[in-house]
Amino acid sequence: MKQETKLKGKDLINVGIYAAIYCVVVMLAAMLGYIPIMLPLLVVICPLIGSIPMMLFMTKVKKFGMVTLMGTIIGLFLWITGMGYWPFIFGVVCGFAADLLDKSGNYQSAAKTVIGNGILHLTIFANMIPLYIDREGYFSTRQEFGQEYITSLTNIMQPWTAPVLLIASVACGMIGALIGQKLLKKHFAKAGIV
């Protein structure tokens, strides 16, 4: 029984494939961030779009550690692509929390999968943290966007927007999960997720 709970090659391949798909989808959506008003909306757009491949991934998850690994890879990808280290920290912590929640439902609770997906998508909100705690450092690496972009984004990203974006990332992760489950109903039924 203990061996069945260990991650095997097939599990790691599934994590790798779905992490790659998720990262490509999110990166394409993130291109909208070049428009200042769209940057904060990425906490809405990315969870809504990214949750579809994430829900397909969840039909493959049967062992603890797969969701944690997925969150870690996503966070690492965001860090490597210039989003700072906050997404990595959130990816590990939120991935672990989502994994624990999913495991508590034996990876077969649709409701816990939805909530876990909301928690995991706090990783997208983590991209915004430098705009609230180290604005100068954030913009020092984005001078090529121009002063107009920096001024517009500074005006948009007021401190009061932080809790709004945090809540939006979780809520949209949950809504995206519901959409993904609906689109992938046949896969969920086959995987025994109810």
C-alpha atoms as a PDB file:
ATOM      1  CA  MET A   1       0.000   0.000   0.000  1.00  0.00           C
ATOM      2  CA  LYS A   2       2.862   2.356   0.802  1.00  0.00           C
ATOM      3  CA  GLN A   3       4.286   1.992  -2.720  1.00  0.00           C
ATOM      4  CA  GLU A   4       0.970   3.077  -4.225  1.00  0.00           C
ATOM      5  CA  THR A   5       1.239   6.416  -2.454  1.00  0.00           C
ATOM      6  CA  LYS A   6       4.730   7.118  -3.820  1.00  0.00           C
ATOM      7  CA  LEU A   7       5.045   9.246  -6.930  1.00  0.00           C
ATOM      8  CA  LYS A   8       6.167   7.202  -9.900  1.00  0.00           C
ATOM      9  CA  GLY A   9       7.523   8.106 -13.319  1.00  0.00           C
ATOM     10  CA  LYS A  10       4.042   8.269 -14.847  1.00  0.00           C
ATOM     11  CA  ASP A  11       2.912  10.717 -12.137  1.00  0.00           C
ATOM     12  CA  LEU A  12       5.935  12.953 -12.699  1.00  0.00           C
ATOM     13  CA  ILE A  13       5.359  12.871 -16.465  1.00  0.00           C
ATOM     14  CA  ASN A  14       1.732  13.945 -15.927  1.00  0.00           C
ATOM     15  CA  VAL A  15       2.857  16.802 -13.679  1.00  0.00           C
ATOM     16  CA  GLY A  16       5.441  17.887 -16.268  1.00  0.00           C
ATOM     17  CA  ILE A  17       3.043  17.767 -19.217  1.00  0.00           C
ATOM     18  CA  TYR A  18       0.228  19.644 -17.484  1.00  0.00           C
ATOM     19  CA  ALA A  19       2.600  22.164 -15.891  1.00  0.00           C
ATOM     20  CA  ALA A  20       3.990  22.932 -19.359  1.00  0.00           C
ATOM     21  CA  ILE A  21       0.494  23.337 -20.829  1.00  0.00           C
ATOM     22  CA  TYR A  22      -0.577  25.536 -17.909  1.00  0.00           C
ATOM     23  CA  CYS A  23       2.542  27.723 -18.150  1.00  0.00           C
ATOM     24  CA  VAL A  24       2.095  28.242 -21.907  1.00  0.00           C
ATOM     25  CA  VAL A  25      -1.584  29.175 -21.476  1.00  0.00           C
ATOM     26  CA  VAL A  26      -0.822  31.584 -18.625  1.00  0.00           C
ATOM     27  CA  MET A  27       2.150  33.109 -20.455  1.00  0.00           C
ATOM     28  CA  LEU A  28      -0.015  33.816 -23.503  1.00  0.00           C
ATOM     29  CA  ALA A  29      -2.637  35.463 -21.281  1.00  0.00           C
ATOM     30  CA  ALA A  30       0.096  37.396 -19.440  1.00  0.00           C
ATOM     31  CA  MET A  31       1.036  39.180 -22.660  1.00  0.00           C
ATOM     32  CA  LEU A  32      -1.976  41.381 -21.922  1.00  0.00           C
ATOM     33  CA  GLY A  33       0.064  42.798 -19.024  1.00  0.00           C
ATOM     34  CA  TYR A  34       1.845  45.066 -21.505  1.00  0.00           C
ATOM     35  CA  ILE A  35      -1.329  47.162 -21.336  1.00  0.00           C
ATOM     36  CA  PRO A  36      -1.272  48.803 -17.862  1.00  0.00           C
ATOM     37  CA  ILE A  37      -4.998  48.380 -17.108  1.00  0.00           C
ATOM     38  CA  MET A  38      -4.786  44.686 -18.027  1.00  0.00           C
ATOM     39  CA  LEU A  39      -1.967  43.831 -15.598  1.00  0.00           C
ATOM     40  CA  PRO A  40      -4.170  43.682 -12.469  1.00  0.00           C
ATOM     41  CA  LEU A  41      -6.834  41.848 -14.497  1.00  0.00           C
ATOM     42  CA  LEU A  42      -4.400  38.959 -14.967  1.00  0.00           C
ATOM     43  CA  VAL A  43      -5.533  37.679 -11.542  1.00  0.00           C
ATOM     44  CA  VAL A  44      -8.920  37.207 -13.211  1.00  0.00           C
ATOM     45  CA  ILE A  45      -7.904  36.094 -16.703  1.00  0.00           C
ATOM     46  CA  CYS A  46      -5.122  33.618 -15.826  1.00  0.00           C
ATOM     47  CA  PRO A  47      -7.128  31.594 -13.270  1.00  0.00           C
ATOM     48  CA  LEU A  48     -10.167  31.479 -15.574  1.00  0.00           C
ATOM     49  CA  ILE A  49      -8.172  30.257 -18.583  1.00  0.00           C
ATOM     50  CA  GLY A  50      -5.503  28.277 -16.712  1.00  0.00           C
ATOM     51  CA  SER A  51      -8.065  26.309 -14.732  1.00  0.00           C
ATOM     52  CA  ILE A  52      -9.166  24.330 -17.787  1.00  0.00           C
ATOM     53  CA  PRO A  53      -5.853  22.447 -18.197  1.00  0.00           C
ATOM     54  CA  MET A  54      -5.571  22.403 -14.396  1.00  0.00           C
ATOM     55  CA  MET A  55      -8.875  20.537 -14.116  1.00  0.00           C
ATOM     56  CA  LEU A  56      -7.745  18.045 -16.755  1.00  0.00           C
ATOM     57  CA  PHE A  57      -4.600  17.554 -14.650  1.00  0.00           C
ATOM     58  CA  MET A  58      -6.751  16.958 -11.558  1.00  0.00           C
ATOM     59  CA  THR A  59      -8.361  13.942 -13.254  1.00  0.00           C
ATOM     60  CA  LYS A  60      -4.871  12.355 -13.221  1.00  0.00           C
ATOM     61  CA  VAL A  61      -4.050  13.206  -9.591  1.00  0.00           C
ATOM     62  CA  LYS A  62      -4.405  10.311  -7.183  1.00  0.00           C
ATOM     63  CA  LYS A  63      -1.324  10.766  -5.000  1.00  0.00           C
ATOM     64  CA  PHE A  64      -0.164  13.351  -2.506  1.00  0.00           C
ATOM     65  CA  GLY A  65       2.627  15.533  -3.828  1.00  0.00           C
ATOM     66  CA  MET A  66       1.423  15.951  -7.410  1.00  0.00           C
ATOM     67  CA  VAL A  67      -0.413  19.235  -6.733  1.00  0.00           C
ATOM     68  CA  THR A  68       2.459  20.477  -4.552  1.00  0.00           C
ATOM     69  CA  LEU A  69       4.881  19.735  -7.372  1.00  0.00           C
ATOM     70  CA  MET A  70       2.597  21.459  -9.890  1.00  0.00           C
ATOM     71  CA  GLY A  71       2.437  24.612  -7.728  1.00  0.00           C
ATOM     72  CA  THR A  72       6.211  24.541  -7.263  1.00  0.00           C
ATOM     73  CA  ILE A  73       6.850  24.260 -11.016  1.00  0.00           C
ATOM     74  CA  ILE A  74       4.415  27.087 -11.790  1.00  0.00           C
ATOM     75  CA  GLY A  75       6.009  29.299  -9.151  1.00  0.00           C
ATOM     76  CA  LEU A  76       9.502  28.472 -10.389  1.00  0.00           C
ATOM     77  CA  PHE A  77       8.470  29.205 -13.978  1.00  0.00           C
ATOM     78  CA  LEU A  78       7.073  32.609 -12.976  1.00  0.00           C
ATOM     79  CA  TRP A  79      10.241  33.387 -11.006  1.00  0.00           C
ATOM     80  CA  ILE A  80      12.515  32.419 -13.900  1.00  0.00           C
ATOM     81  CA  THR A  81      10.490  34.519 -16.341  1.00  0.00           C
ATOM     82  CA  GLY A  82      11.050  37.655 -14.257  1.00  0.00           C
ATOM     83  CA  MET A  83       8.118  37.784 -11.855  1.00  0.00           C
ATOM     84  CA  GLY A  84      10.313  37.687  -8.754  1.00  0.00           C
ATOM     85  CA  TYR A  85      10.540  35.060  -6.036  1.00  0.00           C
ATOM     86  CA  TRP A  86       7.076  35.645  -4.489  1.00  0.00           C
ATOM     87  CA  PRO A  87       5.274  33.356  -6.977  1.00  0.00           C
ATOM     88  CA  PHE A  88       7.727  30.573  -6.137  1.00  0.00           C
ATOM     89  CA  ILE A  89       7.040  30.907  -2.391  1.00  0.00           C
ATOM     90  CA  PHE A  90       3.287  31.027  -3.011  1.00  0.00           C
ATOM     91  CA  GLY A  91       3.512  28.150  -5.506  1.00  0.00           C
ATOM     92  CA  VAL A  92       5.119  25.863  -2.928  1.00  0.00           C
ATOM     93  CA  VAL A  93       2.917  26.909   0.018  1.00  0.00           C
ATOM     94  CA  CYS A  94      -0.388  27.140  -1.895  1.00  0.00           C
ATOM     95  CA  GLY A  95       0.382  23.975  -3.858  1.00  0.00           C
ATOM     96  CA  PHE A  96       0.966  22.129  -0.582  1.00  0.00           C
ATOM     97  CA  ALA A  97      -2.227  23.573   0.967  1.00  0.00           C
ATOM     98  CA  ALA A  98      -4.271  22.630  -2.122  1.00  0.00           C
ATOM     99  CA  ASP A  99      -2.708  19.157  -2.095  1.00  0.00           C
ATOM    100  CA  LEU A 100      -3.695  18.664   1.558  1.00  0.00           C
ATOM    101  CA  LEU A 101      -7.245  19.791   0.816  1.00  0.00           C
ATOM    102  CA  ASP A 102      -7.542  17.552  -2.258  1.00  0.00           C
ATOM    103  CA  LYS A 103      -6.107  14.615  -0.294  1.00  0.00           C
ATOM    104  CA  SER A 104      -8.692  15.144   2.452  1.00  0.00           C
ATOM    105  CA  GLY A 105     -11.294  14.413  -0.227  1.00  0.00           C
ATOM    106  CA  ASN A 106      -9.319  11.396  -1.529  1.00  0.00           C
ATOM    107  CA  TYR A 107      -8.765  13.359  -4.761  1.00  0.00           C
ATOM    108  CA  GLN A 108     -12.404  12.572  -5.590  1.00  0.00           C
ATOM    109  CA  SER A 109     -14.245  15.576  -4.168  1.00  0.00           C
ATOM    110  CA  ALA A 110     -15.243  18.035  -6.893  1.00  0.00           C
ATOM    111  CA  ALA A 111     -15.936  20.716  -4.251  1.00  0.00           C
ATOM    112  CA  LYS A 112     -12.501  20.344  -2.645  1.00  0.00           C
ATOM    113  CA  THR A 113     -10.881  20.385  -6.095  1.00  0.00           C
ATOM    114  CA  VAL A 114     -12.616  23.706  -6.808  1.00  0.00           C
ATOM    115  CA  ILE A 115     -11.491  25.248  -3.500  1.00  0.00           C
ATOM    116  CA  GLY A 116      -7.970  23.834  -3.904  1.00  0.00           C
ATOM    117  CA  ASN A 117      -7.730  25.391  -7.363  1.00  0.00           C
ATOM    118  CA  GLY A 118      -8.720  28.748  -5.871  1.00  0.00           C
ATOM    119  CA  ILE A 119      -5.972  28.424  -3.259  1.00  0.00           C
ATOM    120  CA  LEU A 120      -3.395  27.387  -5.862  1.00  0.00           C
ATOM    121  CA  HIS A 121      -4.186  30.452  -7.967  1.00  0.00           C
ATOM    122  CA  LEU A 122      -2.961  32.746  -5.212  1.00  0.00           C
ATOM    123  CA  THR A 123       0.326  32.086  -7.015  1.00  0.00           C
ATOM    124  CA  ILE A 124      -0.883  34.421  -9.786  1.00  0.00           C
ATOM    125  CA  PHE A 125      -1.644  37.143  -7.213  1.00  0.00           C
ATOM    126  CA  ALA A 126       1.925  36.739  -5.897  1.00  0.00           C
ATOM    127  CA  ASN A 127       3.159  38.350  -9.132  1.00  0.00           C
ATOM    128  CA  MET A 128       1.597  41.612  -7.929  1.00  0.00           C
ATOM    129  CA  ILE A 129       3.233  41.689  -4.477  1.00  0.00           C
ATOM    130  CA  PRO A 130       6.332  43.662  -5.597  1.00  0.00           C
ATOM    131  CA  LEU A 131       4.001  46.419  -6.848  1.00  0.00           C
ATOM    132  CA  TYR A 132       2.814  46.863  -3.266  1.00  0.00           C
ATOM    133  CA  ILE A 133       5.973  46.326  -1.233  1.00  0.00           C
ATOM    134  CA  ASP A 134       8.858  47.306  -3.570  1.00  0.00           C
ATOM    135  CA  ARG A 135       7.515  49.495  -6.354  1.00  0.00           C
ATOM    136  CA  GLU A 136      10.883  51.069  -7.164  1.00  0.00           C
ATOM    137  CA  GLY A 137      12.593  47.676  -7.390  1.00  0.00           C
ATOM    138  CA  TYR A 138       9.791  46.352  -9.602  1.00  0.00           C
ATOM    139  CA  PHE A 139       9.946  49.269 -12.028  1.00  0.00           C
ATOM    140  CA  SER A 140      13.763  49.331 -12.063  1.00  0.00           C
ATOM    141  CA  THR A 141      13.614  46.086 -14.053  1.00  0.00           C
ATOM    142  CA  ARG A 142      10.930  47.423 -16.413  1.00  0.00           C
ATOM    143  CA  GLN A 143      12.349  50.764 -17.564  1.00  0.00           C
ATOM    144  CA  GLU A 144      12.073  49.681 -21.204  1.00  0.00           C
ATOM    145  CA  PHE A 145       8.266  49.870 -20.904  1.00  0.00           C
ATOM    146  CA  GLY A 146       8.565  53.652 -20.659  1.00  0.00           C
ATOM    147  CA  GLN A 147       7.557  56.274 -18.129  1.00  0.00           C
ATOM    148  CA  GLU A 148       3.964  56.429 -19.345  1.00  0.00           C
ATOM    149  CA  TYR A 149       3.481  52.718 -18.585  1.00  0.00           C
ATOM    150  CA  ILE A 150       5.099  53.097 -15.148  1.00  0.00           C
ATOM    151  CA  THR A 151       2.963  56.145 -14.278  1.00  0.00           C
ATOM    152  CA  SER A 152      -0.250  54.459 -15.453  1.00  0.00           C
ATOM    153  CA  LEU A 153       0.478  51.277 -13.510  1.00  0.00           C
ATOM    154  CA  THR A 154       1.426  53.246 -10.384  1.00  0.00           C
ATOM    155  CA  ASN A 155      -1.913  55.072 -10.554  1.00  0.00           C
ATOM    156  CA  ILE A 156      -3.832  51.808 -11.045  1.00  0.00           C
ATOM    157  CA  MET A 157      -2.085  49.681  -8.404  1.00  0.00           C
ATOM    158  CA  GLN A 158      -3.108  51.604  -5.299  1.00  0.00           C
ATOM    159  CA  PRO A 159      -2.723  49.831  -1.914  1.00  0.00           C
ATOM    160  CA  TRP A 160      -6.499  49.249  -1.607  1.00  0.00           C
ATOM    161  CA  THR A 161      -6.372  47.033  -4.716  1.00  0.00           C
ATOM    162  CA  ALA A 162      -4.217  44.360  -2.957  1.00  0.00           C
ATOM    163  CA  PRO A 163      -7.052  42.663  -1.004  1.00  0.00           C
ATOM    164  CA  VAL A 164      -9.377  43.018  -4.009  1.00  0.00           C
ATOM    165  CA  LEU A 165      -6.878  41.261  -6.305  1.00  0.00           C
ATOM    166  CA  LEU A 166      -6.129  38.597  -3.682  1.00  0.00           C
ATOM    167  CA  ILE A 167      -9.825  37.744  -3.337  1.00  0.00           C
ATOM    168  CA  ALA A 168     -10.294  37.926  -7.123  1.00  0.00           C
ATOM    169  CA  SER A 169      -7.491  35.418  -7.741  1.00  0.00           C
ATOM    170  CA  VAL A 170      -9.074  32.860  -5.388  1.00  0.00           C
ATOM    171  CA  ALA A 171     -12.631  33.494  -6.622  1.00  0.00           C
ATOM    172  CA  CYS A 172     -11.624  33.303 -10.290  1.00  0.00           C
ATOM    173  CA  GLY A 173      -9.605  30.155  -9.608  1.00  0.00           C
ATOM    174  CA  MET A 174     -12.758  28.592  -8.193  1.00  0.00           C
ATOM    175  CA  ILE A 175     -14.958  29.862 -11.044  1.00  0.00           C
ATOM    176  CA  GLY A 176     -12.378  28.646 -13.562  1.00  0.00           C
ATOM    177  CA  ALA A 177     -12.380  25.236 -11.878  1.00  0.00           C
ATOM    178  CA  LEU A 178     -16.183  25.028 -12.186  1.00  0.00           C
ATOM    179  CA  ILE A 179     -15.948  25.981 -15.871  1.00  0.00           C
ATOM    180  CA  GLY A 180     -13.166  23.433 -16.383  1.00  0.00           C
ATOM    181  CA  GLN A 181     -15.152  20.711 -14.637  1.00  0.00           C
ATOM    182  CA  LYS A 182     -18.189  21.467 -16.788  1.00  0.00           C
ATOM    183  CA  LEU A 183     -16.118  21.376 -19.988  1.00  0.00           C
ATOM    184  CA  LEU A 184     -14.396  18.163 -18.904  1.00  0.00           C
ATOM    185  CA  LYS A 185     -17.426  16.444 -17.354  1.00  0.00           C
ATOM    186  CA  LYS A 186     -16.748  13.154 -19.171  1.00  0.00           C
ATOM    187  CA  HIS A 187     -13.134  13.072 -17.894  1.00  0.00           C
ATOM    188  CA  PHE A 188     -14.272  13.789 -14.332  1.00  0.00           C
ATOM    189  CA  ALA A 189     -16.843  11.008 -14.473  1.00  0.00           C
ATOM    190  CA  LYS A 190     -14.206   8.592 -15.785  1.00  0.00           C
ATOM    191  CA  ALA A 191     -11.790   9.617 -13.004  1.00  0.00           C
ATOM    192  CA  GLY A 192     -14.523   9.106 -10.387  1.00  0.00           C
ATOM    193  CA  ILE A 193     -14.496  12.729  -9.200  1.00  0.00           C
ATOM    194  CA  VAL A 194     -17.939  13.651  -7.929  1.00  0.00           C
END
